[in-house]
């Protein structure tokens, strides 16, 4: 079993925030893969289903971002899982919008949700880092992540969500390469590798052949006479 956690803040006013991209990702997985309706449990919203034939639990902490670890820790202990069974999807400032990277273990890089999870279960869990870009200055980060995605972000955001859903079976199975390939197929579809065939040269009409001169049927005497006319 895998516990797949999406990070975000609860409530309608935060639903489209950049900080809530983790919630968006697990919502898409739940919808596309026929998971149960969301229900309240473990200080979170929980949906149950199967990915790749194995049972999976999706979790959206309802404790607000900086206390996310409370819900994750409670669910992990109840389900008798270990940190290695947990995958956390979260926003990542240090990746360009639409980019995605996998990471196993390591630090929290100042992310409040990850910091809280570290405090409750340690750092040996997997992360799916979902790029949202950086506002350019650290003083603008808080306002940036708590602001809704722009309308111009709709296309790449939808492609990313589709890709995550397409690859969810591979993610749950621990096959990071196939998961990332599924995402890339949506976010960076392969271009036609074959070179375009050159346009055919326009056909030109052949030069008309000169008509043959009519055969001279005059007699030698007539030819001689004609010369002196």
C-alpha atoms as a PDB file:
ATOM      1  CA  UNK A   1       0.000   0.000   0.000  1.00  0.00           C
ATOM      2  CA  UNK A   2       1.075   3.554  -0.721  1.00  0.00           C
ATOM      3  CA  UNK A   3       0.020   6.714   1.071  1.00  0.00           C
ATOM      4  CA  UNK A   4       0.076   9.514  -1.484  1.00  0.00           C
ATOM      5  CA  UNK A   5      -0.104  12.951   0.086  1.00  0.00           C
ATOM      6  CA  UNK A   6      -0.941  16.194  -1.668  1.00  0.00           C
ATOM      7  CA  UNK A   7       0.006  19.364   0.190  1.00  0.00           C
ATOM      8  CA  UNK A   8      -2.083  22.521   0.333  1.00  0.00           C
ATOM      9  CA  UNK A   9      -4.325  24.627   2.522  1.00  0.00           C
ATOM     10  CA  UNK A  10      -7.985  23.741   3.177  1.00  0.00           C
ATOM     11  CA  UNK A  11     -10.834  26.016   2.176  1.00  0.00           C
ATOM     12  CA  UNK A  12     -12.307  27.396  -1.031  1.00  0.00           C
ATOM     13  CA  UNK A  13     -10.303  30.626  -0.929  1.00  0.00           C
ATOM     14  CA  UNK A  14      -7.040  28.665  -1.202  1.00  0.00           C
ATOM     15  CA  UNK A  15      -8.232  26.105  -3.751  1.00  0.00           C
ATOM     16  CA  UNK A  16      -6.526  27.653  -6.794  1.00  0.00           C
ATOM     17  CA  UNK A  17      -3.413  28.930  -4.992  1.00  0.00           C
ATOM     18  CA  UNK A  18       0.013  27.913  -6.297  1.00  0.00           C
ATOM     19  CA  UNK A  19       0.660  26.455  -2.817  1.00  0.00           C
ATOM     20  CA  UNK A  20      -2.226  24.016  -3.435  1.00  0.00           C
ATOM     21  CA  UNK A  21      -0.856  22.284  -6.509  1.00  0.00           C
ATOM     22  CA  UNK A  22      -0.365  19.130  -4.415  1.00  0.00           C
ATOM     23  CA  UNK A  23      -4.086  19.071  -3.593  1.00  0.00           C
ATOM     24  CA  UNK A  24      -4.865  19.548  -7.288  1.00  0.00           C
ATOM     25  CA  UNK A  25      -2.679  16.581  -8.261  1.00  0.00           C
ATOM     26  CA  UNK A  26      -4.267  14.074  -5.868  1.00  0.00           C
ATOM     27  CA  UNK A  27      -7.732  15.370  -6.774  1.00  0.00           C
ATOM     28  CA  UNK A  28      -6.967  14.548 -10.404  1.00  0.00           C
ATOM     29  CA  UNK A  29      -5.689  11.064  -9.523  1.00  0.00           C
ATOM     30  CA  UNK A  30      -8.795  10.370  -7.434  1.00  0.00           C
ATOM     31  CA  UNK A  31     -11.123  11.522 -10.211  1.00  0.00           C
ATOM     32  CA  UNK A  32      -9.414   9.684 -13.076  1.00  0.00           C
ATOM     33  CA  UNK A  33      -8.766   6.416 -11.245  1.00  0.00           C
ATOM     34  CA  UNK A  34     -12.175   5.871  -9.647  1.00  0.00           C
ATOM     35  CA  UNK A  35     -11.233   6.413  -6.014  1.00  0.00           C
ATOM     36  CA  UNK A  36     -13.835   6.548  -3.272  1.00  0.00           C
ATOM     37  CA  UNK A  37     -15.427   9.896  -2.362  1.00  0.00           C
ATOM     38  CA  UNK A  38     -13.304  12.044  -0.062  1.00  0.00           C
ATOM     39  CA  UNK A  39     -14.055  11.636   3.626  1.00  0.00           C
ATOM     40  CA  UNK A  40     -12.684  13.160   6.823  1.00  0.00           C
ATOM     41  CA  UNK A  41     -10.103  11.054   8.625  1.00  0.00           C
ATOM     42  CA  UNK A  42      -6.673  11.527  10.213  1.00  0.00           C
ATOM     43  CA  UNK A  43      -7.173  15.337  10.353  1.00  0.00           C
ATOM     44  CA  UNK A  44      -7.355  15.130   6.569  1.00  0.00           C
ATOM     45  CA  UNK A  45      -9.494  14.357   3.564  1.00  0.00           C
ATOM     46  CA  UNK A  46      -8.925  10.761   2.483  1.00  0.00           C
ATOM     47  CA  UNK A  47      -9.854   8.780  -0.635  1.00  0.00           C
ATOM     48  CA  UNK A  48      -9.173   5.086  -1.174  1.00  0.00           C
ATOM     49  CA  UNK A  49      -8.662   3.119  -4.363  1.00  0.00           C
ATOM     50  CA  UNK A  50      -6.188   1.106  -6.397  1.00  0.00           C
ATOM     51  CA  UNK A  51      -3.258   2.065  -8.561  1.00  0.00           C
ATOM     52  CA  UNK A  52      -1.676  -0.586 -10.723  1.00  0.00           C
ATOM     53  CA  UNK A  53      -3.590  -3.294  -8.879  1.00  0.00           C
ATOM     54  CA  UNK A  54      -2.346  -2.287  -5.439  1.00  0.00           C
ATOM     55  CA  UNK A  55      -4.274  -0.418  -2.781  1.00  0.00           C
ATOM     56  CA  UNK A  56      -3.486   3.267  -2.365  1.00  0.00           C
ATOM     57  CA  UNK A  57      -4.705   5.967  -0.022  1.00  0.00           C
ATOM     58  CA  UNK A  58      -4.767   9.609  -1.096  1.00  0.00           C
ATOM     59  CA  UNK A  59      -4.535  12.214   1.635  1.00  0.00           C
ATOM     60  CA  UNK A  60      -5.028  15.986   1.786  1.00  0.00           C
ATOM     61  CA  UNK A  61      -4.127  17.347   5.252  1.00  0.00           C
ATOM     62  CA  UNK A  62      -6.733  19.778   6.612  1.00  0.00           C
ATOM     63  CA  UNK A  63      -4.435  21.204   9.293  1.00  0.00           C
ATOM     64  CA  UNK A  64      -3.042  24.000   7.079  1.00  0.00           C
ATOM     65  CA  UNK A  65       0.326  23.692   5.421  1.00  0.00           C
ATOM     66  CA  UNK A  66       2.648  24.253   8.383  1.00  0.00           C
ATOM     67  CA  UNK A  67       1.007  21.435  10.377  1.00  0.00           C
ATOM     68  CA  UNK A  68       0.731  18.892   7.549  1.00  0.00           C
ATOM     69  CA  UNK A  69       2.912  16.394   9.396  1.00  0.00           C
ATOM     70  CA  UNK A  70       0.244  15.809  12.041  1.00  0.00           C
ATOM     71  CA  UNK A  71      -2.136  14.263   9.491  1.00  0.00           C
ATOM     72  CA  UNK A  72       0.596  12.376   7.634  1.00  0.00           C
ATOM     73  CA  UNK A  73       2.003  10.902  10.860  1.00  0.00           C
ATOM     74  CA  UNK A  74      -1.411   9.862  12.140  1.00  0.00           C
ATOM     75  CA  UNK A  75      -2.335   8.158   8.877  1.00  0.00           C
ATOM     76  CA  UNK A  76       1.031   6.418   8.591  1.00  0.00           C
ATOM     77  CA  UNK A  77       0.790   4.947  12.062  1.00  0.00           C
ATOM     78  CA  UNK A  78      -2.834   3.818  11.710  1.00  0.00           C
ATOM     79  CA  UNK A  79      -2.183   2.170   8.344  1.00  0.00           C
ATOM     80  CA  UNK A  80       0.990   0.543   9.701  1.00  0.00           C
ATOM     81  CA  UNK A  81       3.164   2.039   6.999  1.00  0.00           C
ATOM     82  CA  UNK A  82       6.724   3.333   7.033  1.00  0.00           C
ATOM     83  CA  UNK A  83       8.107   6.584   5.586  1.00  0.00           C
ATOM     84  CA  UNK A  84       9.266   4.567   2.571  1.00  0.00           C
ATOM     85  CA  UNK A  85       5.586   3.916   1.746  1.00  0.00           C
ATOM     86  CA  UNK A  86       4.757   7.628   1.586  1.00  0.00           C
ATOM     87  CA  UNK A  87       4.871   9.910  -1.471  1.00  0.00           C
ATOM     88  CA  UNK A  88       4.314  13.649  -1.033  1.00  0.00           C
ATOM     89  CA  UNK A  89       3.364  15.936  -3.913  1.00  0.00           C
ATOM     90  CA  UNK A  90       4.152  19.599  -3.276  1.00  0.00           C
ATOM     91  CA  UNK A  91       4.844  22.965  -4.899  1.00  0.00           C
ATOM     92  CA  UNK A  92       8.463  23.733  -5.758  1.00  0.00           C
ATOM     93  CA  UNK A  93       9.729  27.292  -6.201  1.00  0.00           C
ATOM     94  CA  UNK A  94      13.078  26.205  -7.610  1.00  0.00           C
ATOM     95  CA  UNK A  95      11.574  24.527 -10.676  1.00  0.00           C
ATOM     96  CA  UNK A  96      10.113  26.307 -13.670  1.00  0.00           C
ATOM     97  CA  UNK A  97       6.326  26.164 -14.030  1.00  0.00           C
ATOM     98  CA  UNK A  98       5.235  22.788 -15.362  1.00  0.00           C
ATOM     99  CA  UNK A  99       8.492  21.001 -14.556  1.00  0.00           C
ATOM    100  CA  UNK A 100       8.514  17.974 -12.268  1.00  0.00           C
ATOM    101  CA  UNK A 101      11.240  16.162 -10.361  1.00  0.00           C
ATOM    102  CA  UNK A 102      11.321  13.156  -8.049  1.00  0.00           C
ATOM    103  CA  UNK A 103      13.319  13.072  -4.855  1.00  0.00           C
ATOM    104  CA  UNK A 104      13.846  10.399  -2.218  1.00  0.00           C
ATOM    105  CA  UNK A 105      14.679  11.671   1.262  1.00  0.00           C
ATOM    106  CA  UNK A 106      16.774  14.743   1.949  1.00  0.00           C
ATOM    107  CA  UNK A 107      16.047  18.150   3.416  1.00  0.00           C
ATOM    108  CA  UNK A 108      12.890  20.233   3.299  1.00  0.00           C
ATOM    109  CA  UNK A 109      14.510  23.314   1.666  1.00  0.00           C
ATOM    110  CA  UNK A 110      12.407  25.648   3.785  1.00  0.00           C
ATOM    111  CA  UNK A 111       9.040  24.316   2.618  1.00  0.00           C
ATOM    112  CA  UNK A 112       6.711  24.574   5.625  1.00  0.00           C
ATOM    113  CA  UNK A 113       4.698  21.483   4.743  1.00  0.00           C
ATOM    114  CA  UNK A 114       7.781  19.321   4.329  1.00  0.00           C
ATOM    115  CA  UNK A 115       9.308  20.774   7.483  1.00  0.00           C
ATOM    116  CA  UNK A 116       6.265  19.631   9.469  1.00  0.00           C
ATOM    117  CA  UNK A 117       6.333  16.163   7.894  1.00  0.00           C
ATOM    118  CA  UNK A 118      10.021  15.879   8.779  1.00  0.00           C
ATOM    119  CA  UNK A 119       9.153  16.614  12.403  1.00  0.00           C
ATOM    120  CA  UNK A 120       6.554  13.844  12.534  1.00  0.00           C
ATOM    121  CA  UNK A 121       7.958  10.996  10.408  1.00  0.00           C
ATOM    122  CA  UNK A 122      11.533  11.925   9.493  1.00  0.00           C
ATOM    123  CA  UNK A 123      12.893  12.582   6.027  1.00  0.00           C
ATOM    124  CA  UNK A 124      12.948   9.118   4.403  1.00  0.00           C
ATOM    125  CA  UNK A 125       9.849   9.604   2.234  1.00  0.00           C
ATOM    126  CA  UNK A 126       9.513  10.278  -1.480  1.00  0.00           C
ATOM    127  CA  UNK A 127       8.599  13.661  -2.920  1.00  0.00           C
ATOM    128  CA  UNK A 128       7.197  14.760  -6.245  1.00  0.00           C
ATOM    129  CA  UNK A 129       8.350  18.359  -6.704  1.00  0.00           C
ATOM    130  CA  UNK A 130       5.915  20.319  -8.847  1.00  0.00           C
ATOM    131  CA  UNK A 131       7.435  23.449 -10.352  1.00  0.00           C
ATOM    132  CA  UNK A 132       5.559  26.726  -9.926  1.00  0.00           C
ATOM    133  CA  UNK A 133       8.443  29.094 -10.633  1.00  0.00           C
ATOM    134  CA  UNK A 134       9.914  31.775  -8.355  1.00  0.00           C
ATOM    135  CA  UNK A 135       8.696  35.378  -7.991  1.00  0.00           C
ATOM    136  CA  UNK A 136      12.273  36.623  -8.202  1.00  0.00           C
ATOM    137  CA  UNK A 137      12.845  37.776  -4.633  1.00  0.00           C
ATOM    138  CA  UNK A 138      12.461  35.940  -1.330  1.00  0.00           C
ATOM    139  CA  UNK A 139      10.379  38.759   0.160  1.00  0.00           C
ATOM    140  CA  UNK A 140       7.692  38.073  -2.446  1.00  0.00           C
ATOM    141  CA  UNK A 141       7.493  34.313  -1.914  1.00  0.00           C
ATOM    142  CA  UNK A 142       4.669  34.231   0.660  1.00  0.00           C
ATOM    143  CA  UNK A 143       2.344  36.382  -1.433  1.00  0.00           C
ATOM    144  CA  UNK A 144       3.294  34.473  -4.578  1.00  0.00           C
ATOM    145  CA  UNK A 145       2.511  30.973  -3.313  1.00  0.00           C
ATOM    146  CA  UNK A 146      -0.744  32.125  -1.686  1.00  0.00           C
ATOM    147  CA  UNK A 147      -1.938  33.712  -4.916  1.00  0.00           C
ATOM    148  CA  UNK A 148      -4.054  31.905  -7.525  1.00  0.00           C
ATOM    149  CA  UNK A 149      -2.495  30.589 -10.694  1.00  0.00           C
ATOM    150  CA  UNK A 150      -2.825  33.050 -13.551  1.00  0.00           C
ATOM    151  CA  UNK A 151      -5.142  32.362 -16.473  1.00  0.00           C
ATOM    152  CA  UNK A 152      -2.049  32.001 -18.643  1.00  0.00           C
ATOM    153  CA  UNK A 153      -1.023  28.987 -16.511  1.00  0.00           C
ATOM    154  CA  UNK A 154      -4.133  26.966 -17.392  1.00  0.00           C
ATOM    155  CA  UNK A 155      -2.662  25.009 -20.311  1.00  0.00           C
ATOM    156  CA  UNK A 156       0.589  23.831 -18.738  1.00  0.00           C
ATOM    157  CA  UNK A 157      -1.148  23.174 -15.404  1.00  0.00           C
ATOM    158  CA  UNK A 158      -3.761  20.962 -17.046  1.00  0.00           C
ATOM    159  CA  UNK A 159      -1.073  19.106 -19.019  1.00  0.00           C
ATOM    160  CA  UNK A 160       0.882  18.512 -15.807  1.00  0.00           C
ATOM    161  CA  UNK A 161      -2.175  17.206 -13.939  1.00  0.00           C
ATOM    162  CA  UNK A 162      -3.027  14.887 -16.830  1.00  0.00           C
ATOM    163  CA  UNK A 163       0.525  13.585 -16.914  1.00  0.00           C
ATOM    164  CA  UNK A 164       0.588  12.897 -13.173  1.00  0.00           C
ATOM    165  CA  UNK A 165      -2.684  11.005 -13.464  1.00  0.00           C
ATOM    166  CA  UNK A 166      -1.436   9.049 -16.488  1.00  0.00           C
ATOM    167  CA  UNK A 167       1.644   7.978 -14.577  1.00  0.00           C
ATOM    168  CA  UNK A 168       0.033   7.391 -11.186  1.00  0.00           C
ATOM    169  CA  UNK A 169       0.227   3.591 -11.480  1.00  0.00           C
ATOM    170  CA  UNK A 170       3.977   3.820 -12.100  1.00  0.00           C
ATOM    171  CA  UNK A 171       4.411   6.297  -9.257  1.00  0.00           C
ATOM    172  CA  UNK A 172       2.708   3.956  -6.802  1.00  0.00           C
ATOM    173  CA  UNK A 173       4.792   1.037  -8.093  1.00  0.00           C
ATOM    174  CA  UNK A 174       8.008   2.966  -7.489  1.00  0.00           C
ATOM    175  CA  UNK A 175       8.941   3.173 -11.166  1.00  0.00           C
ATOM    176  CA  UNK A 176      10.093   6.772 -11.309  1.00  0.00           C
ATOM    177  CA  UNK A 177      11.360   6.583 -14.884  1.00  0.00           C
ATOM    178  CA  UNK A 178       8.031   5.424 -16.323  1.00  0.00           C
ATOM    179  CA  UNK A 179       6.181   7.958 -14.202  1.00  0.00           C
ATOM    180  CA  UNK A 180       8.313  10.807 -15.502  1.00  0.00           C
ATOM    181  CA  UNK A 181       7.937   9.531 -19.070  1.00  0.00           C
ATOM    182  CA  UNK A 182       4.151   9.617 -18.692  1.00  0.00           C
ATOM    183  CA  UNK A 183       4.318  13.192 -17.457  1.00  0.00           C
ATOM    184  CA  UNK A 184       6.701  14.213 -20.230  1.00  0.00           C
ATOM    185  CA  UNK A 185       4.364  12.741 -22.849  1.00  0.00           C
ATOM    186  CA  UNK A 186       1.795  15.328 -21.756  1.00  0.00           C
ATOM    187  CA  UNK A 187       4.010  18.286 -20.946  1.00  0.00           C
ATOM    188  CA  UNK A 188       6.648  17.918 -23.680  1.00  0.00           C
ATOM    189  CA  UNK A 189       5.241  15.703 -26.437  1.00  0.00           C
ATOM    190  CA  UNK A 190       7.878  14.385 -28.797  1.00  0.00           C
ATOM    191  CA  UNK A 191       8.231  16.337 -31.969  1.00  0.00           C
ATOM    192  CA  UNK A 192       8.350  14.659 -35.348  1.00  0.00           C
ATOM    193  CA  UNK A 193      11.946  13.529 -35.595  1.00  0.00           C
ATOM    194  CA  UNK A 194      11.854  13.125 -39.361  1.00  0.00           C
ATOM    195  CA  UNK A 195      12.884  16.145 -41.373  1.00  0.00           C
ATOM    196  CA  UNK A 196      10.185  17.663 -43.477  1.00  0.00           C
ATOM    197  CA  UNK A 197      10.342  16.591 -47.072  1.00  0.00           C
ATOM    198  CA  UNK A 198      11.375  19.423 -49.358  1.00  0.00           C
ATOM    199  CA  UNK A 199       8.610  20.774 -51.501  1.00  0.00           C
ATOM    200  CA  UNK A 200       8.775  19.397 -55.039  1.00  0.00           C
ATOM    201  CA  UNK A 201      10.235  21.760 -57.549  1.00  0.00           C
ATOM    202  CA  UNK A 202       7.593  23.247 -59.797  1.00  0.00           C
ATOM    203  CA  UNK A 203       7.404  21.511 -63.084  1.00  0.00           C
ATOM    204  CA  UNK A 204       8.380  23.683 -66.035  1.00  0.00           C
ATOM    205  CA  UNK A 205       6.993  23.199 -69.471  1.00  0.00           C
ATOM    206  CA  UNK A 206       9.618  21.927 -71.917  1.00  0.00           C
ATOM    207  CA  UNK A 207      10.775  24.313 -74.560  1.00  0.00           C
ATOM    208  CA  UNK A 208       8.788  23.671 -77.764  1.00  0.00           C
ATOM    209  CA  UNK A 209      10.840  21.942 -80.405  1.00  0.00           C
ATOM    210  CA  UNK A 210      11.219  23.877 -83.662  1.00  0.00           C
ATOM    211  CA  UNK A 211       8.938  22.651 -86.371  1.00  0.00           C
ATOM    212  CA  UNK A 212      10.839  20.943 -89.189  1.00  0.00           C
ATOM    213  CA  UNK A 213      11.259  22.981 -92.315  1.00  0.00           C
ATOM    214  CA  UNK A 214       9.079  21.762 -95.182  1.00  0.00           C
ATOM    215  CA  UNK A 215      10.874  19.512 -97.631  1.00  0.00           C
ATOM    216  CA  UNK A 216      12.063  21.377-100.780  1.00  0.00           C
ATOM    217  CA  UNK A 217      10.515  19.525-103.702  1.00  0.00           C
ATOM    218  CA  UNK A 218      11.692  21.874-106.451  1.00  0.00           C
ATOM    219  CA  UNK A 219      13.762  20.562-109.309  1.00  0.00           C
ATOM    220  CA  UNK A 220      17.343  21.731-109.775  1.00  0.00           C
ATOM    221  CA  UNK A 221      16.264  23.857-112.748  1.00  0.00           C
ATOM    222  CA  UNK A 222      13.518  25.540-110.702  1.00  0.00           C
ATOM    223  CA  UNK A 223      15.938  26.244-107.838  1.00  0.00           C
ATOM    224  CA  UNK A 224      18.386  27.860-110.248  1.00  0.00           C
ATOM    225  CA  UNK A 225      15.637  29.942-111.838  1.00  0.00           C
ATOM    226  CA  UNK A 226      14.342  31.081-108.423  1.00  0.00           C
ATOM    227  CA  UNK A 227      17.767  32.383-107.497  1.00  0.00           C
ATOM    228  CA  UNK A 228      17.642  34.931-110.326  1.00  0.00           C
ATOM    229  CA  UNK A 229      14.151  36.203-109.655  1.00  0.00           C
END
